[in-house]
Amino acid sequence: MKKLTSIAMMAILLAPALAEAQQHRPGDRPSQSGQRPPSGGPGGPQRPPQPQPGPRPPAPGPSHPGGPGMRPPAPRPPVARPPAPRPPVARPPHRPGAGRPPNFRPIHRPPFQYPRGYSYRRWSIGGLLPVLFLSSSYYYDDWYGLGVGAPPPGYRWVRYGPDLLLVSLRTRRVVDVIYGAFY
């Protein structure tokens, strides 16, 4: 791993020097800014001005952008498209607070046994359900048979007497009520 890292660092450090070496071809003269101006004062030799080379004719070779010293760009691989979205699951939509769904069917079940100290109470959205009812003996998992949608993650359908409540497990708040779900 250390060898690979050191080789990568060397390549990074040498890349600018190699690129500059490729830019200067043999026979090219350095730019005028790097040369001293001819001296014209006494005691110094006077040099005649040297002719500047004109533009070079294009070199024969393949015609592609960048000139003869450059390679054509490599073909790009095809871009992968993201997978198509999954089709929605065919189940009734759940809209909290909308009451009974259109395909709702009340179900006959045995009478509800209230715990000691509790009797029927008509729950409304926003109420806090006692912790006692957030247990598996009060959860209602046959939501498909009633024609209501599956509870969202973190929520459960809870049976309370003849009613079905959708409750948040984290806050114990009643999010939806379906009155008369059981007879």
N, C-alpha and C. Protein backbone atom coordinates (compact mmCIF):
# COMPACT_ATOMS: atom_id res chain seq x y z
N MET A 1 0.83 -1.19 0.00
CA MET A 1 0.00 0.00 0.00
C MET A 1 0.87 1.25 0.00
N LYS A 2 2.02 1.19 0.75
CA LYS A 2 2.91 2.35 0.78
C LYS A 2 3.56 2.57 -0.57
N LYS A 3 3.91 1.47 -1.27
CA LYS A 3 4.51 1.61 -2.59
C LYS A 3 3.54 2.27 -3.56
N LEU A 4 2.30 1.84 -3.52
CA LEU A 4 1.30 2.40 -4.41
C LEU A 4 1.09 3.89 -4.14
N THR A 5 1.07 4.25 -2.87
CA THR A 5 0.90 5.66 -2.50
C THR A 5 2.10 6.49 -2.97
N SER A 6 3.33 5.96 -2.76
CA SER A 6 4.51 6.72 -3.17
C SER A 6 4.59 6.83 -4.70
N ILE A 7 4.19 5.81 -5.43
CA ILE A 7 4.19 5.89 -6.89
C ILE A 7 3.18 6.93 -7.36
N ALA A 8 2.01 6.96 -6.73
CA ALA A 8 1.00 7.95 -7.09
C ALA A 8 1.49 9.37 -6.82
N MET A 9 2.18 9.57 -5.72
CA MET A 9 2.70 10.91 -5.38
C MET A 9 3.76 11.33 -6.38
N MET A 10 4.65 10.39 -6.79
CA MET A 10 5.67 10.71 -7.78
C MET A 10 5.03 11.11 -9.11
N ALA A 11 4.00 10.39 -9.50
CA ALA A 11 3.33 10.70 -10.76
C ALA A 11 2.70 12.09 -10.70
N ILE A 12 2.14 12.44 -9.57
CA ILE A 12 1.51 13.75 -9.41
C ILE A 12 2.56 14.86 -9.48
N LEU A 13 3.74 14.60 -8.87
CA LEU A 13 4.79 15.61 -8.86
C LEU A 13 5.46 15.75 -10.23
N LEU A 14 5.58 14.68 -10.99
CA LEU A 14 6.26 14.72 -12.27
C LEU A 14 5.36 15.14 -13.42
N ALA A 15 4.05 15.07 -13.26
CA ALA A 15 3.13 15.37 -14.35
C ALA A 15 3.30 16.79 -14.90
N PRO A 16 3.43 17.85 -14.07
CA PRO A 16 3.61 19.21 -14.64
C PRO A 16 4.92 19.34 -15.42
N ALA A 17 6.02 18.71 -14.92
CA ALA A 17 7.30 18.81 -15.62
C ALA A 17 7.22 18.12 -16.97
N LEU A 18 6.56 16.98 -17.04
CA LEU A 18 6.42 16.27 -18.31
C LEU A 18 5.55 17.06 -19.28
N ALA A 19 4.52 17.68 -18.79
CA ALA A 19 3.64 18.46 -19.65
C ALA A 19 4.38 19.66 -20.24
N GLU A 20 5.23 20.30 -19.45
CA GLU A 20 5.99 21.44 -19.95
C GLU A 20 7.05 20.99 -20.95
N ALA A 21 7.67 19.84 -20.71
CA ALA A 21 8.67 19.33 -21.63
C ALA A 21 8.05 19.00 -22.97
N GLN A 22 6.83 18.58 -22.99
CA GLN A 22 6.16 18.26 -24.25
C GLN A 22 5.78 19.53 -25.02
N GLN A 23 5.59 20.62 -24.33
CA GLN A 23 5.19 21.85 -25.01
C GLN A 23 6.34 22.44 -25.83
N HIS A 24 7.59 22.28 -25.38
CA HIS A 24 8.75 22.82 -26.09
C HIS A 24 9.30 21.73 -26.99
N ARG A 25 9.21 21.94 -28.31
CA ARG A 25 9.73 20.99 -29.27
C ARG A 25 11.15 21.40 -29.65
N PRO A 26 11.95 20.44 -30.10
CA PRO A 26 13.31 20.81 -30.55
C PRO A 26 13.21 21.77 -31.74
N GLY A 27 14.08 22.76 -31.76
CA GLY A 27 14.05 23.74 -32.85
C GLY A 27 13.22 24.95 -32.50
N ASP A 28 12.38 24.89 -31.48
CA ASP A 28 11.62 26.05 -31.05
C ASP A 28 12.55 26.99 -30.31
N ARG A 29 12.35 28.25 -30.48
CA ARG A 29 13.16 29.23 -29.76
C ARG A 29 12.35 29.72 -28.56
N PRO A 30 13.04 30.07 -27.48
CA PRO A 30 12.32 30.64 -26.34
C PRO A 30 11.72 31.97 -26.74
N SER A 31 10.76 32.42 -25.99
CA SER A 31 10.07 33.68 -26.30
C SER A 31 11.00 34.85 -26.14
N GLN A 32 10.66 35.97 -26.74
CA GLN A 32 11.49 37.17 -26.71
C GLN A 32 11.64 37.73 -25.29
N SER A 33 10.67 37.45 -24.44
CA SER A 33 10.75 38.01 -23.09
C SER A 33 11.87 37.38 -22.30
N GLY A 34 12.32 36.20 -22.67
CA GLY A 34 13.40 35.53 -21.95
C GLY A 34 14.78 35.93 -22.45
N GLN A 35 14.89 36.62 -23.58
CA GLN A 35 16.19 37.01 -24.13
C GLN A 35 16.52 38.44 -23.72
N ARG A 36 17.85 38.75 -23.74
CA ARG A 36 18.28 40.11 -23.47
C ARG A 36 18.16 40.93 -24.74
N PRO A 37 17.81 42.19 -24.60
CA PRO A 37 17.76 43.03 -25.81
C PRO A 37 19.17 43.25 -26.35
N PRO A 38 19.30 43.43 -27.64
CA PRO A 38 20.64 43.67 -28.19
C PRO A 38 21.20 44.98 -27.63
N SER A 39 22.45 44.94 -27.29
CA SER A 39 23.06 46.13 -26.70
C SER A 39 23.49 47.06 -27.82
N GLY A 40 23.21 48.32 -27.64
CA GLY A 40 23.56 49.28 -28.69
C GLY A 40 24.48 50.36 -28.17
N GLY A 41 24.99 50.24 -26.97
CA GLY A 41 25.82 51.28 -26.39
C GLY A 41 27.27 51.11 -26.79
N PRO A 42 28.10 52.09 -26.41
CA PRO A 42 29.50 52.02 -26.76
C PRO A 42 30.18 50.90 -25.98
N GLY A 43 31.08 50.29 -26.54
CA GLY A 43 31.84 49.23 -25.90
C GLY A 43 31.20 47.88 -26.06
N GLY A 44 30.01 47.83 -26.50
CA GLY A 44 29.35 46.55 -26.66
C GLY A 44 29.15 46.24 -28.12
N PRO A 45 29.22 44.97 -28.48
CA PRO A 45 29.01 44.65 -29.88
C PRO A 45 27.56 44.82 -30.26
N GLN A 46 27.38 45.30 -31.44
CA GLN A 46 26.02 45.45 -31.94
C GLN A 46 25.69 44.24 -32.77
N ARG A 47 24.53 43.70 -32.47
CA ARG A 47 24.09 42.52 -33.22
C ARG A 47 22.98 42.95 -34.18
N PRO A 48 23.02 42.37 -35.33
CA PRO A 48 21.91 42.69 -36.23
C PRO A 48 20.65 41.99 -35.74
N PRO A 49 19.50 42.60 -35.93
CA PRO A 49 18.27 41.94 -35.47
C PRO A 49 18.05 40.64 -36.24
N GLN A 50 17.66 39.62 -35.50
CA GLN A 50 17.45 38.31 -36.12
C GLN A 50 16.03 38.22 -36.64
N PRO A 51 15.88 37.59 -37.79
CA PRO A 51 14.53 37.48 -38.34
C PRO A 51 13.67 36.55 -37.48
N GLN A 52 12.45 36.92 -37.33
CA GLN A 52 11.51 36.11 -36.55
C GLN A 52 10.86 35.09 -37.48
N PRO A 53 10.74 33.86 -37.01
CA PRO A 53 10.10 32.87 -37.88
C PRO A 53 8.61 33.18 -38.00
N GLY A 54 8.07 32.96 -39.19
CA GLY A 54 6.66 33.20 -39.43
C GLY A 54 5.82 32.02 -38.93
N PRO A 55 4.55 32.07 -39.17
CA PRO A 55 3.71 30.96 -38.72
C PRO A 55 4.07 29.70 -39.50
N ARG A 56 4.08 28.60 -38.80
CA ARG A 56 4.44 27.33 -39.41
C ARG A 56 3.25 26.76 -40.18
N PRO A 57 3.55 26.12 -41.29
CA PRO A 57 2.45 25.46 -42.00
C PRO A 57 2.02 24.23 -41.20
N PRO A 58 0.77 23.83 -41.31
CA PRO A 58 0.31 22.66 -40.56
C PRO A 58 1.05 21.42 -41.01
N ALA A 59 1.40 20.59 -40.06
CA ALA A 59 2.13 19.36 -40.34
C ALA A 59 1.17 18.34 -40.93
N PRO A 60 1.66 17.54 -41.88
CA PRO A 60 0.77 16.52 -42.44
C PRO A 60 0.48 15.47 -41.37
N GLY A 61 -0.69 14.93 -41.41
CA GLY A 61 -1.06 13.90 -40.44
C GLY A 61 -2.56 13.87 -40.27
N PRO A 62 -2.98 13.16 -39.30
CA PRO A 62 -4.42 13.06 -39.09
C PRO A 62 -4.99 14.42 -38.71
N SER A 63 -6.15 14.72 -39.23
CA SER A 63 -6.76 16.00 -38.92
C SER A 63 -7.73 15.83 -37.76
N HIS A 64 -7.30 16.23 -36.62
CA HIS A 64 -8.16 16.24 -35.44
C HIS A 64 -7.77 17.42 -34.59
N PRO A 65 -8.65 17.90 -33.73
CA PRO A 65 -8.35 19.08 -32.94
C PRO A 65 -7.17 18.83 -32.01
N GLY A 66 -6.38 19.85 -31.81
CA GLY A 66 -5.27 19.73 -30.88
C GLY A 66 -3.94 19.58 -31.60
N GLY A 67 -3.93 19.36 -32.88
CA GLY A 67 -2.69 19.25 -33.62
C GLY A 67 -2.18 17.83 -33.68
N PRO A 68 -1.03 17.66 -34.36
CA PRO A 68 -0.54 16.31 -34.58
C PRO A 68 0.02 15.65 -33.33
N GLY A 69 0.42 16.42 -32.33
CA GLY A 69 1.00 15.82 -31.13
C GLY A 69 -0.04 15.35 -30.12
N MET A 70 -1.27 15.61 -30.37
CA MET A 70 -2.31 15.27 -29.39
C MET A 70 -3.10 14.06 -29.86
N ARG A 71 -3.54 13.29 -28.93
CA ARG A 71 -4.38 12.14 -29.24
C ARG A 71 -5.84 12.57 -29.27
N PRO A 72 -6.62 11.87 -30.07
CA PRO A 72 -8.06 12.19 -30.03
C PRO A 72 -8.63 11.73 -28.69
N PRO A 73 -9.69 12.40 -28.22
CA PRO A 73 -10.25 12.01 -26.92
C PRO A 73 -10.80 10.59 -26.98
N ALA A 74 -10.64 9.90 -25.88
CA ALA A 74 -11.13 8.52 -25.80
C ALA A 74 -12.65 8.52 -25.80
N PRO A 75 -13.27 7.54 -26.43
CA PRO A 75 -14.74 7.50 -26.42
C PRO A 75 -15.25 7.29 -25.01
N ARG A 76 -16.31 7.99 -24.70
CA ARG A 76 -16.90 7.88 -23.36
C ARG A 76 -17.78 6.65 -23.27
N PRO A 77 -17.76 6.00 -22.12
CA PRO A 77 -18.68 4.86 -21.96
C PRO A 77 -20.11 5.37 -21.89
N PRO A 78 -21.05 4.54 -22.28
CA PRO A 78 -22.45 4.99 -22.21
C PRO A 78 -22.86 5.26 -20.77
N VAL A 79 -23.67 6.29 -20.61
CA VAL A 79 -24.12 6.68 -19.28
C VAL A 79 -25.23 5.72 -18.84
N ALA A 80 -25.05 5.17 -17.65
CA ALA A 80 -26.06 4.24 -17.13
C ALA A 80 -27.26 5.03 -16.62
N ARG A 81 -28.42 4.62 -17.01
CA ARG A 81 -29.64 5.27 -16.55
C ARG A 81 -30.04 4.69 -15.20
N PRO A 82 -30.62 5.51 -14.34
CA PRO A 82 -31.07 4.97 -13.05
C PRO A 82 -32.20 3.97 -13.29
N PRO A 83 -32.33 3.02 -12.39
CA PRO A 83 -33.39 2.03 -12.58
C PRO A 83 -34.77 2.69 -12.54
N ALA A 84 -35.67 2.09 -13.25
CA ALA A 84 -37.04 2.61 -13.28
C ALA A 84 -37.67 2.49 -11.90
N PRO A 85 -38.48 3.45 -11.49
CA PRO A 85 -39.09 3.36 -10.17
C PRO A 85 -40.03 2.16 -10.08
N ARG A 86 -40.14 1.62 -8.90
CA ARG A 86 -41.01 0.47 -8.69
C ARG A 86 -42.47 0.90 -8.80
N PRO A 87 -43.28 0.04 -9.36
CA PRO A 87 -44.70 0.41 -9.42
C PRO A 87 -45.29 0.41 -8.01
N PRO A 88 -46.26 1.25 -7.76
CA PRO A 88 -46.84 1.30 -6.42
C PRO A 88 -47.55 -0.01 -6.07
N VAL A 89 -47.52 -0.34 -4.79
CA VAL A 89 -48.19 -1.54 -4.32
C VAL A 89 -49.69 -1.29 -4.35
N ALA A 90 -50.43 -2.25 -4.85
CA ALA A 90 -51.89 -2.09 -4.96
C ALA A 90 -52.53 -2.31 -3.61
N ARG A 91 -52.66 -1.24 -2.86
CA ARG A 91 -53.38 -1.28 -1.58
C ARG A 91 -54.12 0.03 -1.43
N PRO A 92 -55.13 0.03 -0.63
CA PRO A 92 -55.91 1.26 -0.50
C PRO A 92 -55.04 2.39 0.07
N PRO A 93 -55.17 3.60 -0.45
CA PRO A 93 -54.38 4.69 0.10
C PRO A 93 -54.86 5.05 1.50
N HIS A 94 -53.92 5.40 2.34
CA HIS A 94 -54.28 5.78 3.71
C HIS A 94 -54.14 7.28 3.84
N ARG A 95 -55.23 7.91 4.15
CA ARG A 95 -55.22 9.34 4.39
C ARG A 95 -55.70 9.58 5.81
N PRO A 96 -54.78 9.83 6.74
CA PRO A 96 -55.20 10.04 8.12
C PRO A 96 -56.21 11.17 8.23
N GLY A 97 -57.23 10.92 9.00
CA GLY A 97 -58.25 11.92 9.24
C GLY A 97 -59.36 11.93 8.21
N ALA A 98 -59.28 11.09 7.20
CA ALA A 98 -60.29 11.09 6.16
C ALA A 98 -61.48 10.21 6.52
N GLY A 99 -61.41 9.53 7.65
CA GLY A 99 -62.51 8.66 8.05
C GLY A 99 -62.41 7.31 7.37
N ARG A 100 -63.56 6.74 7.09
CA ARG A 100 -63.58 5.41 6.46
C ARG A 100 -63.11 5.48 5.02
N PRO A 101 -62.23 4.55 4.62
CA PRO A 101 -61.83 4.49 3.21
C PRO A 101 -62.99 4.02 2.35
N PRO A 102 -62.95 4.24 1.05
CA PRO A 102 -64.07 3.87 0.19
C PRO A 102 -64.35 2.37 0.16
N ASN A 103 -63.35 1.53 0.30
CA ASN A 103 -63.57 0.09 0.25
C ASN A 103 -63.55 -0.54 1.66
N PHE A 104 -63.99 0.21 2.65
CA PHE A 104 -64.02 -0.27 4.03
C PHE A 104 -65.16 -1.27 4.24
N ARG A 105 -64.86 -2.34 5.02
CA ARG A 105 -65.87 -3.35 5.35
C ARG A 105 -65.82 -3.63 6.85
N PRO A 106 -66.85 -3.28 7.62
CA PRO A 106 -66.85 -3.63 9.05
C PRO A 106 -66.80 -5.15 9.21
N ILE A 107 -66.19 -5.61 10.30
CA ILE A 107 -65.98 -7.03 10.54
C ILE A 107 -66.62 -7.41 11.87
N HIS A 108 -67.21 -8.59 11.89
CA HIS A 108 -67.77 -9.11 13.14
C HIS A 108 -66.64 -9.78 13.93
N ARG A 109 -66.45 -9.32 15.15
CA ARG A 109 -65.44 -9.87 16.04
C ARG A 109 -66.06 -10.06 17.41
N PRO A 110 -65.43 -10.88 18.24
CA PRO A 110 -65.96 -11.03 19.60
C PRO A 110 -65.95 -9.69 20.32
N PRO A 111 -66.78 -9.54 21.34
CA PRO A 111 -66.82 -8.26 22.05
C PRO A 111 -65.47 -7.92 22.66
N PHE A 112 -65.22 -6.63 22.73
CA PHE A 112 -63.95 -6.13 23.26
C PHE A 112 -63.98 -6.15 24.78
N GLN A 113 -62.95 -6.66 25.39
CA GLN A 113 -62.84 -6.69 26.85
C GLN A 113 -61.97 -5.51 27.29
N TYR A 114 -62.62 -4.53 27.92
CA TYR A 114 -61.88 -3.36 28.40
C TYR A 114 -61.09 -3.74 29.64
N PRO A 115 -59.89 -3.19 29.82
CA PRO A 115 -59.14 -3.43 31.05
C PRO A 115 -59.85 -2.79 32.24
N ARG A 116 -59.51 -3.22 33.43
CA ARG A 116 -60.13 -2.69 34.64
C ARG A 116 -59.93 -1.18 34.71
N GLY A 117 -61.02 -0.48 34.97
CA GLY A 117 -60.98 0.98 35.09
C GLY A 117 -61.23 1.70 33.77
N TYR A 118 -61.40 0.99 32.69
CA TYR A 118 -61.64 1.63 31.39
C TYR A 118 -63.00 1.22 30.87
N SER A 119 -63.62 2.14 30.14
CA SER A 119 -64.87 1.86 29.43
C SER A 119 -64.79 2.56 28.08
N TYR A 120 -65.87 2.46 27.31
CA TYR A 120 -65.80 3.04 25.98
C TYR A 120 -65.59 4.55 26.06
N ARG A 121 -64.72 5.02 25.21
CA ARG A 121 -64.47 6.45 25.05
C ARG A 121 -64.34 6.70 23.55
N ARG A 122 -64.97 7.75 23.09
CA ARG A 122 -64.88 8.09 21.67
C ARG A 122 -63.62 8.91 21.47
N TRP A 123 -62.61 8.27 20.86
CA TRP A 123 -61.33 8.93 20.63
C TRP A 123 -61.40 9.85 19.43
N SER A 124 -60.61 10.90 19.46
CA SER A 124 -60.52 11.81 18.32
C SER A 124 -59.04 11.98 17.96
N ILE A 125 -58.80 12.52 16.80
CA ILE A 125 -57.43 12.70 16.33
C ILE A 125 -56.71 13.68 17.24
N GLY A 126 -55.50 13.33 17.63
CA GLY A 126 -54.69 14.18 18.50
C GLY A 126 -54.70 13.74 19.95
N GLY A 127 -55.58 12.82 20.33
CA GLY A 127 -55.63 12.35 21.71
C GLY A 127 -54.44 11.47 22.04
N LEU A 128 -54.10 11.41 23.35
CA LEU A 128 -53.00 10.55 23.80
C LEU A 128 -53.57 9.25 24.32
N LEU A 129 -53.21 8.15 23.68
CA LEU A 129 -53.67 6.83 24.08
C LEU A 129 -52.85 6.35 25.27
N PRO A 130 -53.47 5.78 26.32
CA PRO A 130 -52.69 5.27 27.44
C PRO A 130 -51.72 4.17 26.99
N VAL A 131 -50.59 4.08 27.66
CA VAL A 131 -49.54 3.13 27.32
C VAL A 131 -50.06 1.70 27.36
N LEU A 132 -51.02 1.42 28.22
CA LEU A 132 -51.58 0.08 28.36
C LEU A 132 -52.07 -0.47 27.02
N PHE A 133 -52.59 0.39 26.13
CA PHE A 133 -53.15 -0.06 24.87
C PHE A 133 -52.09 -0.20 23.76
N LEU A 134 -50.85 0.16 24.06
CA LEU A 134 -49.77 -0.02 23.09
C LEU A 134 -49.05 -1.34 23.37
N SER A 135 -49.81 -2.40 23.36
CA SER A 135 -49.24 -3.74 23.56
C SER A 135 -49.83 -4.67 22.51
N SER A 136 -49.21 -5.81 22.34
CA SER A 136 -49.61 -6.73 21.27
C SER A 136 -51.04 -7.25 21.44
N SER A 137 -51.58 -7.26 22.65
CA SER A 137 -52.93 -7.77 22.83
C SER A 137 -53.99 -6.80 22.26
N TYR A 138 -53.63 -5.53 22.02
CA TYR A 138 -54.57 -4.56 21.47
C TYR A 138 -54.24 -4.17 20.02
N TYR A 139 -53.08 -4.59 19.52
CA TYR A 139 -52.73 -4.29 18.12
C TYR A 139 -53.67 -5.05 17.21
N TYR A 140 -54.01 -4.42 16.08
CA TYR A 140 -54.86 -5.08 15.10
C TYR A 140 -54.05 -5.19 13.80
N ASP A 141 -53.65 -6.43 13.46
CA ASP A 141 -52.78 -6.65 12.31
C ASP A 141 -53.52 -7.08 11.05
N ASP A 142 -54.83 -7.34 11.11
CA ASP A 142 -55.58 -7.76 9.93
C ASP A 142 -56.19 -6.55 9.25
N TRP A 143 -55.39 -5.51 9.04
CA TRP A 143 -55.87 -4.27 8.45
C TRP A 143 -56.32 -4.47 7.01
N TYR A 144 -55.73 -5.44 6.30
CA TYR A 144 -56.12 -5.66 4.91
C TYR A 144 -57.54 -6.19 4.82
N GLY A 145 -57.94 -7.02 5.78
CA GLY A 145 -59.30 -7.55 5.79
C GLY A 145 -60.36 -6.48 5.97
N LEU A 146 -60.00 -5.40 6.64
CA LEU A 146 -60.93 -4.28 6.81
C LEU A 146 -60.96 -3.37 5.58
N GLY A 147 -59.95 -3.44 4.77
CA GLY A 147 -59.90 -2.56 3.60
C GLY A 147 -59.20 -1.25 3.87
N VAL A 148 -58.45 -1.16 4.96
CA VAL A 148 -57.67 0.04 5.24
C VAL A 148 -56.22 -0.26 4.86
N GLY A 149 -55.43 0.78 4.67
CA GLY A 149 -54.04 0.61 4.27
C GLY A 149 -53.17 0.16 5.43
N ALA A 150 -51.98 -0.27 5.07
CA ALA A 150 -50.99 -0.67 6.07
C ALA A 150 -50.56 0.56 6.86
N PRO A 151 -50.27 0.40 8.14
CA PRO A 151 -49.80 1.56 8.91
C PRO A 151 -48.41 1.97 8.45
N PRO A 152 -48.12 3.25 8.43
CA PRO A 152 -46.77 3.70 8.07
C PRO A 152 -45.76 3.20 9.11
N PRO A 153 -44.47 3.20 8.79
CA PRO A 153 -43.47 2.78 9.79
C PRO A 153 -43.57 3.64 11.04
N GLY A 154 -43.52 3.00 12.19
CA GLY A 154 -43.61 3.72 13.47
C GLY A 154 -45.03 3.91 13.96
N TYR A 155 -46.03 3.37 13.26
CA TYR A 155 -47.44 3.50 13.63
C TYR A 155 -48.05 2.10 13.72
N ARG A 156 -49.12 1.98 14.47
CA ARG A 156 -49.84 0.71 14.57
C ARG A 156 -51.34 0.97 14.61
N TRP A 157 -52.11 0.02 14.05
CA TRP A 157 -53.55 0.04 14.21
C TRP A 157 -53.86 -0.61 15.55
N VAL A 158 -54.68 0.05 16.36
CA VAL A 158 -55.03 -0.44 17.70
C VAL A 158 -56.55 -0.53 17.79
N ARG A 159 -57.03 -1.64 18.31
CA ARG A 159 -58.48 -1.79 18.50
C ARG A 159 -58.84 -1.25 19.88
N TYR A 160 -59.85 -0.39 19.90
CA TYR A 160 -60.37 0.13 21.16
C TYR A 160 -61.89 0.05 21.06
N GLY A 161 -62.44 -1.00 21.63
CA GLY A 161 -63.89 -1.23 21.55
C GLY A 161 -64.29 -1.50 20.11
N PRO A 162 -65.32 -0.80 19.60
CA PRO A 162 -65.74 -1.02 18.22
C PRO A 162 -64.94 -0.17 17.22
N ASP A 163 -63.99 0.62 17.70
CA ASP A 163 -63.26 1.55 16.84
C ASP A 163 -61.84 1.04 16.56
N LEU A 164 -61.29 1.56 15.48
CA LEU A 164 -59.92 1.24 15.10
C LEU A 164 -59.14 2.55 15.08
N LEU A 165 -58.03 2.59 15.82
CA LEU A 165 -57.24 3.81 15.95
C LEU A 165 -55.86 3.60 15.32
N LEU A 166 -55.39 4.58 14.60
CA LEU A 166 -54.02 4.57 14.11
C LEU A 166 -53.21 5.44 15.06
N VAL A 167 -52.19 4.82 15.70
CA VAL A 167 -51.47 5.49 16.79
C VAL A 167 -49.98 5.52 16.47
N SER A 168 -49.34 6.65 16.77
CA SER A 168 -47.89 6.75 16.66
C SER A 168 -47.27 6.06 17.87
N LEU A 169 -46.37 5.12 17.64
CA LEU A 169 -45.76 4.38 18.75
C LEU A 169 -44.81 5.26 19.55
N ARG A 170 -44.23 6.26 18.93
CA ARG A 170 -43.27 7.11 19.63
C ARG A 170 -43.96 8.12 20.54
N THR A 171 -45.05 8.74 20.07
CA THR A 171 -45.69 9.80 20.84
C THR A 171 -47.01 9.39 21.49
N ARG A 172 -47.55 8.22 21.12
CA ARG A 172 -48.84 7.72 21.61
C ARG A 172 -50.02 8.57 21.11
N ARG A 173 -49.83 9.44 20.14
CA ARG A 173 -50.90 10.28 19.61
C ARG A 173 -51.76 9.50 18.63
N VAL A 174 -53.06 9.73 18.69
CA VAL A 174 -54.00 9.13 17.76
C VAL A 174 -53.95 9.95 16.48
N VAL A 175 -53.64 9.29 15.36
CA VAL A 175 -53.49 9.98 14.08
C VAL A 175 -54.75 9.82 13.24
N ASP A 176 -55.45 8.71 13.38
CA ASP A 176 -56.64 8.46 12.59
C ASP A 176 -57.60 7.60 13.40
N VAL A 177 -58.89 7.79 13.20
CA VAL A 177 -59.91 7.00 13.89
C VAL A 177 -60.92 6.51 12.86
N ILE A 178 -61.23 5.23 12.92
CA ILE A 178 -62.30 4.68 12.09
C ILE A 178 -63.35 4.14 13.07
N TYR A 179 -64.46 4.88 13.16
CA TYR A 179 -65.50 4.51 14.11
C TYR A 179 -66.32 3.36 13.54
N GLY A 180 -66.72 2.45 14.40
CA GLY A 180 -67.59 1.34 14.00
C GLY A 180 -66.92 0.33 13.09
N ALA A 181 -65.64 0.07 13.30
CA ALA A 181 -64.93 -0.89 12.46
C ALA A 181 -65.33 -2.33 12.80
N PHE A 182 -65.77 -2.56 14.03
CA PHE A 182 -66.14 -3.90 14.48
C PHE A 182 -67.58 -3.87 15.00
N TYR A 183 -68.33 -4.96 14.79
CA TYR A 183 -69.68 -5.04 15.35
C TYR A 183 -69.86 -6.37 16.02
